[in-house]
Protein backbone atom coordinates (compact mmCIF):
# COMPACT_ATOMS: atom_id res chain seq x y z
CA MET A 1 -0.05 -0.17 -0.07
CA SER A 2 1.49 3.68 -1.01
CA LYS A 3 2.30 6.12 1.95
CA GLY A 4 1.39 9.08 -0.20
CA ARG A 5 3.45 11.72 -0.97
CA ALA A 6 6.46 12.96 0.22
CA ILE A 7 9.10 16.06 0.56
CA ILE A 8 12.13 15.94 2.61
CA PHE A 9 13.23 19.65 4.24
CA ARG A 10 16.76 20.30 3.91
CA GLY A 11 16.95 23.09 6.27
CA TYR A 12 20.57 24.35 5.54
CA MET A 13 22.08 25.27 2.41
CA ALA A 14 25.68 23.70 3.18
CA ILE A 15 26.70 21.17 0.41
CA GLY A 16 27.31 18.53 3.37
CA ASP A 17 23.88 18.83 4.71
CA ALA A 18 22.34 18.22 1.30
CA LEU A 19 24.96 14.71 1.11
CA TYR A 20 24.00 13.67 4.64
CA THR A 21 20.46 13.38 2.99
CA SER A 22 21.19 12.00 -0.25
CA ALA A 23 20.27 8.15 0.31
CA LEU A 24 16.76 8.73 1.87
CA PRO A 25 15.06 8.90 -1.17
CA ARG A 26 15.75 5.55 -1.71
CA LEU A 27 14.98 4.53 1.51
CA MET A 28 11.71 6.23 1.37
CA LYS A 29 10.57 4.70 -2.18
CA GLU A 30 11.67 1.06 -0.92
CA ASP A 31 9.79 1.68 1.86
CA GLY A 32 6.39 2.52 -0.32
CA TYR A 33 6.14 6.10 -0.54
CA GLU A 34 4.45 6.84 -4.60
CA GLN A 35 6.21 10.34 -4.56
CA VAL A 36 9.71 11.64 -3.11
CA ASP A 37 10.73 15.52 -3.71
CA VAL A 38 13.48 17.39 -1.89
CA ALA A 39 13.22 20.66 -1.29
CA VAL A 40 16.91 22.27 -0.98
CA TRP A 41 18.92 25.43 -1.82
CA GLN A 42 20.62 27.07 -5.30
CA SER A 43 24.03 25.93 -3.49
CA ASN A 44 23.19 22.04 -3.00
CA GLN A 45 20.25 21.33 -5.59
CA HIS A 46 23.42 19.34 -7.35
CA VAL A 47 23.57 16.45 -5.05
CA PHE A 48 20.10 15.26 -6.05
CA TRP A 49 20.43 15.24 -9.81
CA ASN A 50 19.80 12.18 -11.76
CA ASN A 51 18.54 10.43 -8.83
CA PRO A 52 15.91 8.17 -9.23
CA TYR A 53 14.52 7.97 -6.33
CA VAL A 54 13.82 11.75 -6.52
CA ASP A 55 10.47 12.68 -8.10
CA ASN A 56 10.85 16.77 -8.01
CA ILE A 57 13.43 18.78 -6.74
CA ARG A 58 12.01 22.12 -5.26
CA VAL A 59 14.98 25.06 -5.37
CA PHE A 60 14.67 27.83 -2.67
CA PRO A 61 16.45 31.02 -3.74
CA ASN A 62 20.05 31.39 -1.31
CA ASP A 63 18.30 34.74 -0.03
CA LEU A 64 15.62 33.59 1.10
CA THR A 65 14.29 34.94 4.55
CA GLU A 66 13.04 32.96 7.69
CA THR A 67 9.56 34.40 7.12
CA GLU A 68 9.49 33.47 3.62
CA PHE A 69 11.16 29.88 4.36
CA GLU A 70 8.03 29.53 6.92
CA TYR A 71 5.54 30.35 3.96
CA TYR A 72 6.79 27.52 1.98
CA TYR A 73 7.13 25.15 4.68
CA ASN A 74 3.11 25.77 5.58
CA LYS A 75 2.15 25.93 2.12
CA TRP A 76 3.64 22.51 1.19
CA ASN A 77 2.50 21.17 4.67
CA GLU A 78 -1.08 21.31 2.89
CA GLU A 79 0.63 19.79 -0.76
CA TYR A 80 2.01 16.41 1.03
CA ASP A 81 1.27 13.77 3.05
CA VAL A 82 4.58 13.54 4.73
CA ILE A 83 7.13 16.31 5.50
CA VAL A 84 10.58 14.83 6.57
CA ASP A 85 11.88 17.73 8.16
CA LEU A 86 15.69 17.40 8.90
CA ARG A 87 16.85 21.22 9.82
CA TRP A 88 18.99 21.32 12.54
CA THR A 89 19.64 18.02 12.66
CA ILE A 90 23.15 18.27 13.25
CA GLU A 91 23.75 21.76 13.59
CA SER A 92 23.15 22.93 17.38
CA LYS A 93 23.03 19.56 18.42
CA TYR A 94 26.36 17.80 17.59
CA LEU A 95 27.85 21.00 16.21
CA PHE A 96 27.95 24.64 17.66
CA ARG A 97 28.90 27.72 16.19
CA THR A 98 31.72 30.15 17.41
CA ASP A 99 29.50 32.89 17.05
CA ALA A 100 27.25 31.96 19.69
CA PRO A 101 28.16 30.56 23.77
CA LEU A 102 29.70 26.76 23.22
CA PRO A 103 28.70 24.22 26.04
CA PRO A 104 31.69 22.76 27.76
CA ILE A 105 34.11 20.98 25.59
CA GLU A 106 33.57 17.75 27.39
CA GLU A 107 29.46 17.73 26.90
CA ARG A 108 30.05 18.26 23.25
CA LYS A 109 32.07 15.21 23.19
CA GLU A 110 30.06 13.10 25.19
CA LYS A 111 27.12 14.11 22.98
CA ASN A 112 29.08 13.31 19.63
CA LYS A 113 30.51 9.59 21.52
CA GLY A 114 29.67 6.93 18.69
CA LYS A 115 27.85 8.98 16.17
CA ASN A 116 27.57 9.08 12.46
CA TYR A 117 26.01 12.25 10.68
CA TYR A 118 24.93 10.14 7.98
CA ARG A 119 23.38 7.35 10.22
CA VAL A 120 22.25 10.07 12.77
CA THR A 121 20.43 11.79 9.54
CA MET A 122 18.68 8.48 8.67
CA GLU A 123 17.45 7.54 12.13
CA VAL A 124 16.05 11.20 12.43
CA ALA A 125 14.04 10.56 9.43
CA GLY A 126 12.78 7.24 10.97
CA TYR A 127 15.31 4.46 9.30
CA LYS A 128 18.05 2.78 10.40
CA VAL A 129 21.22 2.13 8.16
CA ASP A 130 24.35 0.04 9.09
CA LYS A 131 26.45 1.87 6.85
CA GLY A 132 26.42 5.82 6.56
CA LYS A 133 27.41 7.03 3.05
CA PRO A 134 26.33 9.52 0.40
CA GLU A 135 24.47 8.66 -3.10
CA LEU A 136 25.33 10.50 -6.34
CA TYR A 137 23.99 9.20 -9.56
CA LEU A 138 25.16 10.02 -13.07
CA SER A 139 23.69 10.28 -16.23
CA ASP A 140 24.90 8.33 -19.40
CA GLU A 141 26.20 11.46 -20.64
CA GLU A 142 28.04 12.52 -17.53
CA GLU A 143 29.57 8.86 -17.46
CA LYS A 144 30.49 9.29 -21.28
CA LEU A 145 32.12 12.33 -20.72
CA LEU A 146 33.93 11.41 -17.41
CA ASN A 147 35.12 8.28 -18.97
CA GLU A 148 36.82 10.13 -21.82
CA PHE A 149 38.27 12.48 -19.58
CA LYS A 150 39.92 9.56 -17.44
CA LYS A 151 41.22 7.87 -20.47
CA GLU A 152 43.26 11.24 -21.17
CA ASN A 153 44.17 11.25 -17.21
CA PRO A 154 44.70 7.64 -16.05
CA LYS A 155 46.05 9.00 -12.95
CA PHE A 156 45.32 12.13 -10.91
CA VAL A 157 44.27 13.56 -7.53
CA ILE A 158 41.49 15.51 -6.68
CA TRP A 159 42.71 18.42 -3.85
CA GLN A 160 40.45 20.40 -1.99
CA LEU A 161 42.48 22.64 -0.30
CA TYR A 162 40.03 25.00 1.55
CA GLY A 163 36.61 24.22 3.54
CA SER A 164 34.09 26.48 4.99
CA SER A 165 35.94 28.04 7.55
CA ASN A 166 39.46 28.87 8.69
CA ALA A 167 39.96 25.14 10.52
CA LYS A 168 39.37 23.59 7.08
CA GLN A 169 42.16 25.42 5.38
CA LEU A 170 44.91 23.08 4.37
CA VAL A 171 47.49 25.90 4.24
CA ARG A 172 50.68 23.36 4.20
CA ALA A 173 48.77 21.25 1.14
CA PRO A 174 51.32 23.13 -1.59
CA ILE A 175 54.43 21.31 0.50
CA TRP A 176 52.41 17.91 0.16
CA ILE A 177 51.39 18.15 -3.35
CA THR A 178 55.10 19.53 -4.14
CA GLU A 179 56.63 16.45 -2.57
CA ILE A 180 54.15 14.06 -4.11
CA MET A 181 54.91 14.94 -7.53
CA LYS A 182 58.78 14.58 -7.14
CA GLN A 183 57.93 11.21 -6.23
CA VAL A 184 54.89 10.13 -8.59
CA PRO A 185 55.81 12.63 -11.46
CA ASP A 186 53.45 10.63 -14.15
CA CYS A 187 50.37 11.83 -11.80
CA LYS A 188 48.35 15.06 -12.42
CA HIS A 189 46.76 16.96 -9.74
CA TYR A 190 43.02 19.23 -10.00
CA LEU A 191 42.85 21.71 -7.54
CA VAL A 192 38.86 22.05 -7.23
CA GLY A 193 36.93 24.67 -5.07
CA ASN A 194 35.78 28.30 -5.60
CA ALA A 195 38.88 30.62 -5.79
CA HIS A 196 40.97 30.64 -8.73
CA PHE A 197 44.90 30.85 -8.82
CA SER A 198 48.00 30.41 -11.04
CA THR A 199 49.21 27.11 -10.23
CA LYS A 200 52.01 27.30 -12.67
CA ARG A 201 53.47 30.16 -10.48
CA LEU A 202 52.96 28.26 -7.55
CA PHE A 203 54.07 24.76 -8.45
CA GLY A 204 56.22 25.76 -12.10
CA SER A 205 54.42 22.47 -13.10
CA ASP A 206 51.97 21.75 -15.79
CA ASN A 207 50.92 18.71 -14.03
CA VAL A 208 48.80 20.63 -11.32
CA LYS A 209 45.88 22.73 -12.63
CA CYS A 210 43.60 25.03 -10.74
CA VAL A 211 40.09 24.13 -12.00
CA ALA A 212 37.82 26.18 -9.50
CA GLY A 213 35.43 28.00 -11.31
CA ILE A 214 36.21 25.80 -14.53
CA TRP A 215 34.79 22.88 -13.31
CA GLY A 216 31.07 23.34 -11.31
CA LEU A 217 30.34 21.86 -8.20
CA ARG A 218 28.64 18.52 -9.66
CA THR A 219 31.88 18.17 -11.84
CA SER A 220 34.31 18.13 -9.11
CA MET A 221 31.98 15.51 -6.62
CA LEU A 222 31.43 13.18 -9.79
CA MET A 223 35.50 13.32 -10.78
CA CYS A 224 35.80 11.66 -7.52
CA LYS A 225 34.46 8.53 -8.83
CA TYR A 226 37.54 8.32 -11.51
CA ALA A 227 40.44 9.89 -9.31
CA ASN A 228 43.12 7.76 -8.01
CA LEU A 229 42.88 9.45 -4.77
CA VAL A 230 40.93 13.01 -3.21
CA VAL A 231 42.04 14.82 -0.39
CA GLY A 232 40.57 17.29 1.39
CA PRO A 233 39.44 19.02 4.88
CA GLU A 234 35.98 17.93 6.57
CA SER A 235 33.84 19.31 3.67
CA ALA A 236 32.01 19.10 0.29
CA ILE A 237 34.21 17.30 -1.81
CA THR A 238 35.33 14.44 0.58
CA ASN A 239 31.96 13.93 1.44
CA ALA A 240 30.92 13.63 -2.01
CA SER A 241 33.78 10.81 -2.48
CA GLY A 242 32.33 8.82 0.22
CA ALA A 243 29.80 8.01 -2.32
CA PHE A 244 32.33 6.14 -4.25
CA ASP A 245 34.95 3.27 -3.48
CA THR A 246 38.07 5.85 -4.57
CA PRO A 247 40.98 6.01 -1.92
CA LYS A 248 40.07 9.44 0.19
CA PHE A 249 42.19 11.21 2.62
CA ILE A 250 39.70 13.34 5.07
CA MET A 251 42.04 15.63 7.29
CA TYR A 252 39.92 16.03 10.51
CA SER A 253 39.71 19.07 12.51
CA GLY A 254 36.94 19.12 14.33
CA VAL A 255 35.02 15.66 14.53
CA LEU A 256 36.30 12.49 14.89
CA PRO A 257 36.72 9.91 11.68
CA GLU A 258 33.80 7.82 13.16
CA ASN A 259 31.26 10.67 13.06
CA LEU A 260 31.99 11.70 9.47
CA GLY A 261 33.81 8.98 7.15
CA GLY A 262 34.11 6.10 9.39
CA ASP A 263 31.66 4.09 7.19
CA PHE A 264 33.10 5.08 3.70
CA GLU A 265 35.18 2.59 1.85
CA ASN A 266 38.81 3.02 1.21
CA HIS A 267 38.82 6.21 3.84
CA TYR A 268 41.74 7.30 5.42
CA GLY A 269 41.45 9.67 8.20
CA PHE A 270 44.22 11.98 9.25
CA CYS A 271 43.81 13.70 12.63
CA PRO A 272 45.64 16.72 14.42
CA LYS A 273 47.61 16.51 17.27
CA CYS A 274 46.26 19.49 19.23
CA GLU A 275 45.19 19.24 22.59
CA CYS A 276 41.83 21.16 21.76
CA TYR A 277 40.75 18.20 19.34
CA PRO A 278 37.88 17.18 18.64
CA CYS A 279 36.36 20.31 19.06
CA TYR A 280 33.17 20.31 17.39
CA LYS A 281 33.23 23.68 16.26
CA ILE A 282 31.94 25.23 13.37
CA SER A 283 34.23 27.85 13.10
CA ILE A 284 32.74 31.43 11.83
CA SER A 285 34.46 33.85 10.22
CA PRO A 286 34.32 37.12 12.39
CA LYS A 287 33.99 39.04 8.96
CA GLU A 288 30.52 37.33 8.20
CA VAL A 289 28.88 38.03 11.32
CA TRP A 290 27.47 41.48 12.05
CA ASN A 291 25.85 41.29 15.66
CA LEU A 292 28.59 43.07 17.49
CA LYS A 293 28.25 40.64 20.52
CA LYS A 294 28.46 37.33 18.23
CA ARG A 295 31.65 39.27 16.41
CA LYS A 296 33.02 39.15 19.71
CA LEU A 297 32.67 35.79 20.02
CA ALA A 298 33.68 34.50 16.72
CA TYR A 299 37.55 36.94 17.17
CA ALA A 300 37.61 35.13 20.53
CA ASN A 301 37.96 31.67 18.81
CA MET A 302 39.74 32.65 15.71
CA GLU A 303 42.31 33.99 18.39
CA GLU A 304 42.14 30.84 20.62
CA CYS A 305 42.59 28.65 17.73
CA ARG A 306 44.84 30.40 15.00
CA VAL A 307 49.21 29.88 15.34
CA LYS A 308 50.85 32.80 15.20
CA ASP A 309 54.02 32.49 13.52
CA PRO A 310 55.29 35.70 11.82
CA PHE A 311 58.31 33.88 10.27
CA ASP A 312 56.16 31.30 8.25
CA CYS A 313 53.04 32.55 6.22
CA TYR A 314 51.99 28.90 5.98
CA ARG A 315 51.97 28.67 9.85
CA TYR A 316 50.34 32.04 10.36
CA LEU A 317 47.50 31.27 7.93
CA GLY A 318 46.72 28.17 9.78
CA PHE A 319 44.72 26.82 12.75
CA LYS A 320 46.35 24.58 15.42
CA CYS A 321 44.26 21.34 13.72
CA THR A 322 45.34 22.01 10.51
CA LEU A 323 48.87 22.61 11.48
CA SER A 324 49.63 19.45 13.52
CA LEU A 325 48.37 17.29 11.13
CA PRO A 326 50.66 13.89 10.28
CA GLU A 327 52.25 15.25 7.32
CA GLN A 328 55.11 12.73 6.77
CA GLU A 329 52.24 9.78 6.77
CA ILE A 330 50.01 11.98 4.50
CA ILE A 331 52.95 12.17 1.86
CA GLU A 332 54.11 8.64 2.55
CA LYS A 333 50.65 6.93 2.22
CA ALA A 334 49.42 8.92 -1.16
CA VAL A 335 52.73 7.92 -2.52
CA ASP A 336 52.55 4.44 -2.10
CA ILE A 337 48.45 4.45 -3.49
CA LEU A 338 49.59 6.63 -6.46
CA LYS A 339 52.45 4.32 -7.16
CA HIS A 340 50.17 1.09 -7.09
CA SER A 341 47.51 2.53 -8.93
């Protein structure tokens, strides 16, 4: 018997939030729902493209106000038999913004103990899964184009050098890439993200290309299927790589591997050595905060986490977590994987 029409509300516009949710349409269709729609944002709708279990993608504009959001929620509540409301599933419950007062660190650690954010999202929706990972579906045209790219680039690495906060900036990654190139010269390296810069000037090699602004978000996510290795912080691309069996290095800064990528295949989690890890913070840049009290809290967190070394530009740009990663281990493991792939 059909369970009727349902819509999944993903209340936050981050890419990771959509990826946490991406397996849910399949579970709901298998559970007997006649129609499953998703309500997402312009910035993360790409996660659900070509998903055979999604009937309609209803897209919010990114500048939607809270009042307008509630209007849509109430309107669609009348259209559907079921609304699966996943707002605040992870943020504010397990992860905490630094522009607001933080619960004590021991309390944050206890709340997150044994939690996997993919499995938690499914549980909130009423489904228990053994493995928590995203699902991405390629069209025939996408498969064809990316297979052609793979033929021309038989060995390559996808790098996401930065995420949504300073705690996710891999400021020393250019050093890792340079060393890996020396030991595996036949490998190409593609840098994805939002900011385009001259890799020729930085690396002096045509084997490193910045494709930010050239590859769109969806292309970058799907390229993870064809790469020999994906490297990045706890952010969009490494989350997306969890949909595939590609070897993936996640540079952790705020959460434990069990919280995020622990169920991914070929997952290598590298953790910082700083005493404050894991902190379960969402580090907010003070520049993005207009409320003066909140901005003061964000500044205090930034000062607490920032490494102040005026003699080393790489260290000065980073936070304690990103600067205490096991660099030699990262390089050696990457070289080993690439030499044997």
